[in-house]
Amino acid sequence: MFGDVIKKLRTAHNLNQVQLAGKLNISKQTVSNWENNNILPSIEMLVKISQFFMVSTDYLLELDQREYLEITGLTDEQTAHIKEIIRDITFRA
C-alpha cells in the first residue's frame, strides 16, 4: 500500500515524519496519514514526492517495482564509478 512505500522510503533516507514533512512543506500529520493509509496525496504532491525520493510515480503507486538513480549532470567518469559500486554491491549479495 502507498503508506508502506512512503514509510520504507522515509526510513531508508533516515528521516522521521517531521523531517520529511519539512522537506515537502507539509504537516507531520499529513505524512502520518499517508503512512497509515488514511489519505492519499494530490497528483501534484505525488510528483513532488517522486522527485524528492528519485523514484517514479509508478513506484510510489506500486505499479512498477524498479528503482532508478538520477545521474544527469554527472561526468562519464562519475557515472562509471557509480556503476562499478553497484556491480560490487550486487555481486556481494
PDB file of N, CA and C in Angstrom:
ATOM      1  N   MET A   1       0.837  -1.189   0.000  1.00  0.00           N
ATOM      2  CA  MET A   1       0.000   0.000   0.000  1.00  0.00           C
ATOM      3  C   MET A   1       0.875   1.243   0.000  1.00  0.00           C
ATOM      4  N   PHE A   2       0.290   2.342  -0.411  1.00  0.00           N
ATOM      5  CA  PHE A   2       1.037   3.586  -0.536  1.00  0.00           C
ATOM      6  C   PHE A   2       1.758   3.954   0.755  1.00  0.00           C
ATOM      7  N   GLY A   3       1.080   3.809   1.868  1.00  0.00           N
ATOM      8  CA  GLY A   3       1.681   4.164   3.155  1.00  0.00           C
ATOM      9  C   GLY A   3       2.934   3.375   3.457  1.00  0.00           C
ATOM     10  N   ASP A   4       2.940   2.106   3.098  1.00  0.00           N
ATOM     11  CA  ASP A   4       4.122   1.265   3.311  1.00  0.00           C
ATOM     12  C   ASP A   4       5.295   1.732   2.459  1.00  0.00           C
ATOM     13  N   VAL A   5       5.001   2.139   1.228  1.00  0.00           N
ATOM     14  CA  VAL A   5       6.053   2.611   0.327  1.00  0.00           C
ATOM     15  C   VAL A   5       6.672   3.895   0.867  1.00  0.00           C
ATOM     16  N   ILE A   6       5.830   4.832   1.293  1.00  0.00           N
ATOM     17  CA  ILE A   6       6.335   6.105   1.830  1.00  0.00           C
ATOM     18  C   ILE A   6       7.178   5.859   3.076  1.00  0.00           C
ATOM     19  N   LYS A   7       6.684   5.023   3.966  1.00  0.00           N
ATOM     20  CA  LYS A   7       7.431   4.751   5.199  1.00  0.00           C
ATOM     21  C   LYS A   7       8.773   4.100   4.884  1.00  0.00           C
ATOM     22  N   LYS A   8       8.774   3.153   3.947  1.00  0.00           N
ATOM     23  CA  LYS A   8      10.019   2.482   3.554  1.00  0.00           C
ATOM     24  C   LYS A   8      11.020   3.494   3.005  1.00  0.00           C
ATOM     25  N   LEU A   9      10.572   4.368   2.129  1.00  0.00           N
ATOM     26  CA  LEU A   9      11.461   5.379   1.550  1.00  0.00           C
ATOM     27  C   LEU A   9      11.946   6.352   2.621  1.00  0.00           C
ATOM     28  N   ARG A  10      11.041   6.777   3.473  1.00  0.00           N
ATOM     29  CA  ARG A  10      11.402   7.733   4.534  1.00  0.00           C
ATOM     30  C   ARG A  10      12.455   7.159   5.454  1.00  0.00           C
ATOM     31  N   THR A  11      12.246   5.937   5.910  1.00  0.00           N
ATOM     32  CA  THR A  11      13.197   5.334   6.846  1.00  0.00           C
ATOM     33  C   THR A  11      14.518   5.000   6.161  1.00  0.00           C
ATOM     34  N   ALA A  12      14.471   4.623   4.875  1.00  0.00           N
ATOM     35  CA  ALA A  12      15.706   4.350   4.135  1.00  0.00           C
ATOM     36  C   ALA A  12      16.563   5.606   4.001  1.00  0.00           C
ATOM     37  N   HIS A  13      15.918   6.757   4.012  1.00  0.00           N
ATOM     38  CA  HIS A  13      16.634   8.026   3.935  1.00  0.00           C
ATOM     39  C   HIS A  13      16.905   8.624   5.319  1.00  0.00           C
ATOM     40  N   ASN A  14      16.692   7.815   6.343  1.00  0.00           N
ATOM     41  CA  ASN A  14      16.939   8.239   7.732  1.00  0.00           C
ATOM     42  C   ASN A  14      16.212   9.525   8.098  1.00  0.00           C
ATOM     43  N   LEU A  15      14.958   9.599   7.687  1.00  0.00           N
ATOM     44  CA  LEU A  15      14.136  10.764   8.011  1.00  0.00           C
ATOM     45  C   LEU A  15      13.001  10.339   8.931  1.00  0.00           C
ATOM     46  N   ASN A  16      12.676  11.194   9.891  1.00  0.00           N
ATOM     47  CA  ASN A  16      11.463  10.952  10.657  1.00  0.00           C
ATOM     48  C   ASN A  16      10.317  11.690   9.954  1.00  0.00           C
ATOM     49  N   GLN A  17       9.116  11.519  10.453  1.00  0.00           N
ATOM     50  CA  GLN A  17       7.962  12.134   9.792  1.00  0.00           C
ATOM     51  C   GLN A  17       8.048  13.655   9.772  1.00  0.00           C
ATOM     52  N   VAL A  18       8.545  14.242  10.839  1.00  0.00           N
ATOM     53  CA  VAL A  18       8.674  15.703  10.913  1.00  0.00           C
ATOM     54  C   VAL A  18       9.661  16.200   9.859  1.00  0.00           C
ATOM     55  N   GLN A  19      10.781  15.491   9.717  1.00  0.00           N
ATOM     56  CA  GLN A  19      11.790  15.896   8.743  1.00  0.00           C
ATOM     57  C   GLN A  19      11.261  15.793   7.313  1.00  0.00           C
ATOM     58  N   LEU A  20      10.584  14.685   7.003  1.00  0.00           N
ATOM     59  CA  LEU A  20      10.019  14.549   5.668  1.00  0.00           C
ATOM     60  C   LEU A  20       8.982  15.635   5.415  1.00  0.00           C
ATOM     61  N   ALA A  21       8.143  15.891   6.389  1.00  0.00           N
ATOM     62  CA  ALA A  21       7.134  16.938   6.245  1.00  0.00           C
ATOM     63  C   ALA A  21       7.792  18.278   5.932  1.00  0.00           C
ATOM     64  N   GLY A  22       8.877  18.582   6.623  1.00  0.00           N
ATOM     65  CA  GLY A  22       9.593  19.832   6.374  1.00  0.00           C
ATOM     66  C   GLY A  22      10.157  19.899   4.965  1.00  0.00           C
ATOM     67  N   LYS A  23      10.700  18.799   4.483  1.00  0.00           N
ATOM     68  CA  LYS A  23      11.282  18.760   3.135  1.00  0.00           C
ATOM     69  C   LYS A  23      10.203  18.965   2.071  1.00  0.00           C
ATOM     70  N   LEU A  24       8.990  18.475   2.340  1.00  0.00           N
ATOM     71  CA  LEU A  24       7.907  18.571   1.371  1.00  0.00           C
ATOM     72  C   LEU A  24       6.992  19.762   1.622  1.00  0.00           C
ATOM     73  N   ASN A  25       7.275  20.515   2.688  1.00  0.00           N
ATOM     74  CA  ASN A  25       6.486  21.709   3.028  1.00  0.00           C
ATOM     75  C   ASN A  25       5.032  21.365   3.354  1.00  0.00           C
ATOM     76  N   ILE A  26       4.868  20.319   4.158  1.00  0.00           N
ATOM     77  CA  ILE A  26       3.545  19.875   4.585  1.00  0.00           C
ATOM     78  C   ILE A  26       3.595  19.616   6.087  1.00  0.00           C
ATOM     79  N   SER A  27       2.488  19.209   6.669  1.00  0.00           N
ATOM     80  CA  SER A  27       2.457  18.933   8.106  1.00  0.00           C
ATOM     81  C   SER A  27       2.882  17.489   8.393  1.00  0.00           C
ATOM     82  N   LYS A  28       3.352  17.270   9.601  1.00  0.00           N
ATOM     83  CA  LYS A  28       3.706  15.924  10.058  1.00  0.00           C
ATOM     84  C   LYS A  28       2.469  15.033  10.030  1.00  0.00           C
ATOM     85  N   GLN A  29       1.307  15.614  10.327  1.00  0.00           N
ATOM     86  CA  GLN A  29       0.064  14.852  10.330  1.00  0.00           C
ATOM     87  C   GLN A  29      -0.259  14.304   8.941  1.00  0.00           C
ATOM     88  N   THR A  30       0.089  15.061   7.906  1.00  0.00           N
ATOM     89  CA  THR A  30      -0.147  14.590   6.542  1.00  0.00           C
ATOM     90  C   THR A  30       0.693  13.352   6.266  1.00  0.00           C
ATOM     91  N   VAL A  31       1.968  13.402   6.644  1.00  0.00           N
ATOM     92  CA  VAL A  31       2.843  12.243   6.454  1.00  0.00           C
ATOM     93  C   VAL A  31       2.294  11.056   7.227  1.00  0.00           C
ATOM     94  N   SER A  32       1.892  11.291   8.458  1.00  0.00           N
ATOM     95  CA  SER A  32       1.329  10.223   9.283  1.00  0.00           C
ATOM     96  C   SER A  32       0.085   9.625   8.637  1.00  0.00           C
ATOM     97  N   ASN A  33      -0.777  10.478   8.110  1.00  0.00           N
ATOM     98  CA  ASN A  33      -1.994   9.990   7.443  1.00  0.00           C
ATOM     99  C   ASN A  33      -1.672   9.177   6.201  1.00  0.00           C
ATOM    100  N   TRP A  34      -0.653   9.589   5.445  1.00  0.00           N
ATOM    101  CA  TRP A  34      -0.234   8.783   4.290  1.00  0.00           C
ATOM    102  C   TRP A  34       0.221   7.408   4.746  1.00  0.00           C
ATOM    103  N   GLU A  35       1.119   7.403   5.753  1.00  0.00           N
ATOM    104  CA  GLU A  35       1.697   6.139   6.209  1.00  0.00           C
ATOM    105  C   GLU A  35       0.664   5.209   6.827  1.00  0.00           C
ATOM    106  N   ASN A  36      -0.398   5.777   7.370  1.00  0.00           N
ATOM    107  CA  ASN A  36      -1.475   4.965   7.937  1.00  0.00           C
ATOM    108  C   ASN A  36      -2.573   4.671   6.916  1.00  0.00           C
ATOM    109  N   ASN A  37      -2.320   5.043   5.666  1.00  0.00           N
ATOM    110  CA  ASN A  37      -3.264   4.822   4.566  1.00  0.00           C
ATOM    111  C   ASN A  37      -4.632   5.443   4.821  1.00  0.00           C
ATOM    112  N   ASN A  38      -4.635   6.584   5.513  1.00  0.00           N
ATOM    113  CA  ASN A  38      -5.879   7.308   5.746  1.00  0.00           C
ATOM    114  C   ASN A  38      -6.228   8.217   4.578  1.00  0.00           C
ATOM    115  N   ILE A  39      -5.187   8.775   3.939  1.00  0.00           N
ATOM    116  CA  ILE A  39      -5.380   9.664   2.792  1.00  0.00           C
ATOM    117  C   ILE A  39      -4.285   9.389   1.774  1.00  0.00           C
ATOM    118  N   LEU A  40      -4.508   9.845   0.563  1.00  0.00           N
ATOM    119  CA  LEU A  40      -3.503   9.794  -0.493  1.00  0.00           C
ATOM    120  C   LEU A  40      -3.126  11.221  -0.874  1.00  0.00           C
ATOM    121  N   PRO A  41      -1.911  11.429  -1.349  1.00  0.00           N
ATOM    122  CA  PRO A  41      -1.517  12.781  -1.752  1.00  0.00           C
ATOM    123  C   PRO A  41      -2.191  13.188  -3.059  1.00  0.00           C
ATOM    124  N   SER A  42      -2.213  14.494  -3.297  1.00  0.00           N
ATOM    125  CA  SER A  42      -2.702  15.003  -4.578  1.00  0.00           C
ATOM    126  C   SER A  42      -1.722  14.576  -5.676  1.00  0.00           C
ATOM    127  N   ILE A  43      -2.144  14.723  -6.899  1.00  0.00           N
ATOM    128  CA  ILE A  43      -1.268  14.389  -8.020  1.00  0.00           C
ATOM    129  C   ILE A  43      -0.009  15.253  -7.973  1.00  0.00           C
ATOM    130  N   GLU A  44      -0.171  16.533  -7.679  1.00  0.00           N
ATOM    131  CA  GLU A  44       0.979  17.434  -7.607  1.00  0.00           C
ATOM    132  C   GLU A  44       1.943  16.997  -6.517  1.00  0.00           C
ATOM    133  N   MET A  45       1.410  16.590  -5.371  1.00  0.00           N
ATOM    134  CA  MET A  45       2.262  16.144  -4.274  1.00  0.00           C
ATOM    135  C   MET A  45       2.906  14.802  -4.601  1.00  0.00           C
ATOM    136  N   LEU A  46       2.198  13.947  -5.289  1.00  0.00           N
ATOM    137  CA  LEU A  46       2.764  12.663  -5.698  1.00  0.00           C
ATOM    138  C   LEU A  46       4.010  12.886  -6.565  1.00  0.00           C
ATOM    139  N   VAL A  47       3.923  13.845  -7.471  1.00  0.00           N
ATOM    140  CA  VAL A  47       5.075  14.182  -8.322  1.00  0.00           C
ATOM    141  C   VAL A  47       6.209  14.735  -7.461  1.00  0.00           C
ATOM    142  N   LYS A  48       5.874  15.602  -6.515  1.00  0.00           N
ATOM    143  CA  LYS A  48       6.898  16.178  -5.633  1.00  0.00           C
ATOM    144  C   LYS A  48       7.591  15.089  -4.804  1.00  0.00           C
ATOM    145  N   ILE A  49       6.824  14.142  -4.302  1.00  0.00           N
ATOM    146  CA  ILE A  49       7.392  13.027  -3.526  1.00  0.00           C
ATOM    147  C   ILE A  49       8.306  12.194  -4.411  1.00  0.00           C
ATOM    148  N   SER A  50       7.865  11.909  -5.634  1.00  0.00           N
ATOM    149  CA  SER A  50       8.677  11.089  -6.540  1.00  0.00           C
ATOM    150  C   SER A  50       9.984  11.794  -6.870  1.00  0.00           C
ATOM    151  N   GLN A  51       9.950  13.093  -7.047  1.00  0.00           N
ATOM    152  CA  GLN A  51      11.169  13.848  -7.333  1.00  0.00           C
ATOM    153  C   GLN A  51      12.086  13.874  -6.106  1.00  0.00           C
ATOM    154  N   PHE A  52      11.512  14.045  -4.931  1.00  0.00           N
ATOM    155  CA  PHE A  52      12.317  14.087  -3.717  1.00  0.00           C
ATOM    156  C   PHE A  52      13.049  12.766  -3.493  1.00  0.00           C
ATOM    157  N   PHE A  53      12.340  11.653  -3.623  1.00  0.00           N
ATOM    158  CA  PHE A  53      12.945  10.343  -3.380  1.00  0.00           C
ATOM    159  C   PHE A  53      13.609   9.751  -4.625  1.00  0.00           C
ATOM    160  N   MET A  54      13.503  10.445  -5.758  1.00  0.00           N
ATOM    161  CA  MET A  54      14.073   9.990  -7.019  1.00  0.00           C
ATOM    162  C   MET A  54      13.554   8.604  -7.408  1.00  0.00           C
ATOM    163  N   VAL A  55      12.243   8.457  -7.341  1.00  0.00           N
ATOM    164  CA  VAL A  55      11.561   7.251  -7.798  1.00  0.00           C
ATOM    165  C   VAL A  55      10.427   7.692  -8.717  1.00  0.00           C
ATOM    166  N   SER A  56       9.913   6.761  -9.487  1.00  0.00           N
ATOM    167  CA  SER A  56       8.802   7.101 -10.370  1.00  0.00           C
ATOM    168  C   SER A  56       7.492   7.144  -9.579  1.00  0.00           C
ATOM    169  N   THR A  57       6.521   7.827 -10.139  1.00  0.00           N
ATOM    170  CA  THR A  57       5.193   7.813  -9.509  1.00  0.00           C
ATOM    171  C   THR A  57       4.618   6.397  -9.568  1.00  0.00           C
ATOM    172  N   ASP A  58       4.944   5.654 -10.606  1.00  0.00           N
ATOM    173  CA  ASP A  58       4.505   4.255 -10.685  1.00  0.00           C
ATOM    174  C   ASP A  58       5.077   3.447  -9.521  1.00  0.00           C
ATOM    175  N   TYR A  59       6.306   3.718  -9.138  1.00  0.00           N
ATOM    176  CA  TYR A  59       6.910   3.033  -7.994  1.00  0.00           C
ATOM    177  C   TYR A  59       6.132   3.369  -6.719  1.00  0.00           C
ATOM    178  N   LEU A  60       5.811   4.646  -6.534  1.00  0.00           N
ATOM    179  CA  LEU A  60       5.058   5.053  -5.338  1.00  0.00           C
ATOM    180  C   LEU A  60       3.687   4.387  -5.284  1.00  0.00           C
ATOM    181  N   LEU A  61       3.089   4.197  -6.443  1.00  0.00           N
ATOM    182  CA  LEU A  61       1.752   3.601  -6.517  1.00  0.00           C
ATOM    183  C   LEU A  61       1.791   2.086  -6.646  1.00  0.00           C
ATOM    184  N   GLU A  62       2.991   1.514  -6.544  1.00  0.00           N
ATOM    185  CA  GLU A  62       3.218   0.071  -6.621  1.00  0.00           C
ATOM    186  C   GLU A  62       2.771  -0.534  -7.953  1.00  0.00           C
ATOM    187  N   LEU A  63       2.922   0.247  -9.016  1.00  0.00           N
ATOM    188  CA  LEU A  63       2.642  -0.246 -10.352  1.00  0.00           C
ATOM    189  C   LEU A  63       3.911  -0.763 -11.023  1.00  0.00           C
ATOM    190  N   ASP A  64       5.060  -0.375 -10.475  1.00  0.00           N
ATOM    191  CA  ASP A  64       6.363  -0.766 -11.018  1.00  0.00           C
ATOM    192  C   ASP A  64       7.345  -0.799  -9.856  1.00  0.00           C
ATOM    193  N   GLN A  65       8.044  -1.897  -9.686  1.00  0.00           N
ATOM    194  CA  GLN A  65       8.950  -2.045  -8.545  1.00  0.00           C
ATOM    195  C   GLN A  65      10.389  -1.636  -8.849  1.00  0.00           C
ATOM    196  N   ARG A  66      10.662  -1.198 -10.074  1.00  0.00           N
ATOM    197  CA  ARG A  66      12.021  -0.788 -10.415  1.00  0.00           C
ATOM    198  C   ARG A  66      12.365   0.533  -9.738  1.00  0.00           C
ATOM    199  N   GLU A  67      13.617   0.643  -9.297  1.00  0.00           N
ATOM    200  CA  GLU A  67      14.114   1.876  -8.711  1.00  0.00           C
ATOM    201  C   GLU A  67      15.214   2.428  -9.612  1.00  0.00           C
ATOM    202  N   TYR A  68      15.339   3.731  -9.654  1.00  0.00           N
ATOM    203  CA  TYR A  68      16.289   4.390 -10.520  1.00  0.00           C
ATOM    204  C   TYR A  68      17.160   5.353  -9.728  1.00  0.00           C
ATOM    205  N   LEU A  69      18.345   5.595 -10.250  1.00  0.00           N
ATOM    206  CA  LEU A  69      19.222   6.630  -9.713  1.00  0.00           C
ATOM    207  C   LEU A  69      19.337   7.729 -10.758  1.00  0.00           C
ATOM    208  N   GLU A  70      19.163   8.955 -10.353  1.00  0.00           N
ATOM    209  CA  GLU A  70      19.289  10.087 -11.263  1.00  0.00           C
ATOM    210  C   GLU A  70      20.758  10.459 -11.364  1.00  0.00           C
ATOM    211  N   ILE A  71      21.315  10.355 -12.557  1.00  0.00           N
ATOM    212  CA  ILE A  71      22.743  10.651 -12.740  1.00  0.00           C
ATOM    213  C   ILE A  71      22.966  11.792 -13.727  1.00  0.00           C
ATOM    214  N   THR A  72      21.893  12.462 -14.099  1.00  0.00           N
ATOM    215  CA  THR A  72      22.007  13.588 -15.017  1.00  0.00           C
ATOM    216  C   THR A  72      22.975  14.618 -14.439  1.00  0.00           C
ATOM    217  N   GLY A  73      23.886  15.070 -15.279  1.00  0.00           N
ATOM    218  CA  GLY A  73      24.842  16.085 -14.849  1.00  0.00           C
ATOM    219  C   GLY A  73      26.170  15.520 -14.366  1.00  0.00           C
ATOM    220  N   LEU A  74      26.232  14.208 -14.170  1.00  0.00           N
ATOM    221  CA  LEU A  74      27.495  13.609 -13.760  1.00  0.00           C
ATOM    222  C   LEU A  74      28.375  13.381 -14.977  1.00  0.00           C
ATOM    223  N   THR A  75      29.670  13.369 -14.752  1.00  0.00           N
ATOM    224  CA  THR A  75      30.595  13.090 -15.842  1.00  0.00           C
ATOM    225  C   THR A  75      30.555  11.602 -16.163  1.00  0.00           C
ATOM    226  N   ASP A  76      31.144  11.238 -17.299  1.00  0.00           N
ATOM    227  CA  ASP A  76      31.229   9.826 -17.667  1.00  0.00           C
ATOM    228  C   ASP A  76      32.022   9.043 -16.630  1.00  0.00           C
ATOM    229  N   GLU A  77      33.061   9.657 -16.095  1.00  0.00           N
ATOM    230  CA  GLU A  77      33.875   9.002 -15.051  1.00  0.00           C
ATOM    231  C   GLU A  77      33.059   8.761 -13.792  1.00  0.00           C
ATOM    232  N   GLN A  78      32.296   9.754 -13.367  1.00  0.00           N
ATOM    233  CA  GLN A  78      31.464   9.607 -12.171  1.00  0.00           C
ATOM    234  C   GLN A  78      30.403   8.532 -12.380  1.00  0.00           C
ATOM    235  N   THR A  79      29.789   8.517 -13.546  1.00  0.00           N
ATOM    236  CA  THR A  79      28.782   7.507 -13.863  1.00  0.00           C
ATOM    237  C   THR A  79      29.393   6.112 -13.839  1.00  0.00           C
ATOM    238  N   ALA A  80      30.571   5.965 -14.439  1.00  0.00           N
ATOM    239  CA  ALA A  80      31.250   4.663 -14.440  1.00  0.00           C
ATOM    240  C   ALA A  80      31.563   4.221 -13.017  1.00  0.00           C
ATOM    241  N   HIS A  81      31.967   5.152 -12.169  1.00  0.00           N
ATOM    242  CA  HIS A  81      32.283   4.833 -10.777  1.00  0.00           C
ATOM    243  C   HIS A  81      31.041   4.331 -10.039  1.00  0.00           C
ATOM    244  N   ILE A  82      29.926   4.994 -10.237  1.00  0.00           N
ATOM    245  CA  ILE A  82      28.672   4.577  -9.595  1.00  0.00           C
ATOM    246  C   ILE A  82      28.271   3.183 -10.081  1.00  0.00           C
ATOM    247  N   LYS A  83      28.396   2.933 -11.368  1.00  0.00           N
ATOM    248  CA  LYS A  83      28.069   1.613 -11.902  1.00  0.00           C
ATOM    249  C   LYS A  83      28.962   0.536 -11.298  1.00  0.00           C
ATOM    250  N   GLU A  84      30.219   0.848 -11.107  1.00  0.00           N
ATOM    251  CA  GLU A  84      31.150  -0.106 -10.503  1.00  0.00           C
ATOM    252  C   GLU A  84      30.751  -0.407  -9.057  1.00  0.00           C
ATOM    253  N   ILE A  85      30.365   0.609  -8.322  1.00  0.00           N
ATOM    254  CA  ILE A  85      29.906   0.411  -6.941  1.00  0.00           C
ATOM    255  C   ILE A  85      28.679  -0.495  -6.923  1.00  0.00           C
ATOM    256  N   ILE A  86      27.748  -0.256  -7.822  1.00  0.00           N
ATOM    257  CA  ILE A  86      26.539  -1.074  -7.892  1.00  0.00           C
ATOM    258  C   ILE A  86      26.889  -2.521  -8.226  1.00  0.00           C
ATOM    259  N   ARG A  87      27.798  -2.720  -9.171  1.00  0.00           N
ATOM    260  CA  ARG A  87      28.228  -4.086  -9.504  1.00  0.00           C
ATOM    261  C   ARG A  87      28.849  -4.772  -8.290  1.00  0.00           C
ATOM    262  N   ASP A  88      29.703  -4.041  -7.557  1.00  0.00           N
ATOM    263  CA  ASP A  88      30.333  -4.613  -6.358  1.00  0.00           C
ATOM    264  C   ASP A  88      29.294  -5.037  -5.330  1.00  0.00           C
ATOM    265  N   ILE A  89      28.314  -4.181  -5.103  1.00  0.00           N
ATOM    266  CA  ILE A  89      27.267  -4.488  -4.121  1.00  0.00           C
ATOM    267  C   ILE A  89      26.429  -5.671  -4.594  1.00  0.00           C
ATOM    268  N   THR A  90      26.091  -5.690  -5.871  1.00  0.00           N
ATOM    269  CA  THR A  90      25.245  -6.747  -6.426  1.00  0.00           C
ATOM    270  C   THR A  90      25.911  -8.101  -6.342  1.00  0.00           C
ATOM    271  N   PHE A  91      27.189  -8.163  -6.649  1.00  0.00           N
ATOM    272  CA  PHE A  91      27.896  -9.447  -6.641  1.00  0.00           C
ATOM    273  C   PHE A  91      28.205  -9.949  -5.239  1.00  0.00           C
ATOM    274  N   ARG A  92      28.206  -9.057  -4.257  1.00  0.00           N
ATOM    275  CA  ARG A  92      28.442  -9.460  -2.869  1.00  0.00           C
ATOM    276  C   ARG A  92      27.191 -10.026  -2.221  1.00  0.00           C
ATOM    277  N   ALA A  93      26.043  -9.635  -2.725  1.00  0.00           N
ATOM    278  CA  ALA A  93      24.765 -10.038  -2.112  1.00  0.00           C
ATOM    279  C   ALA A  93      24.466 -11.493  -2.274  1.00  0.00           C
TER     280      ALA A  93
END
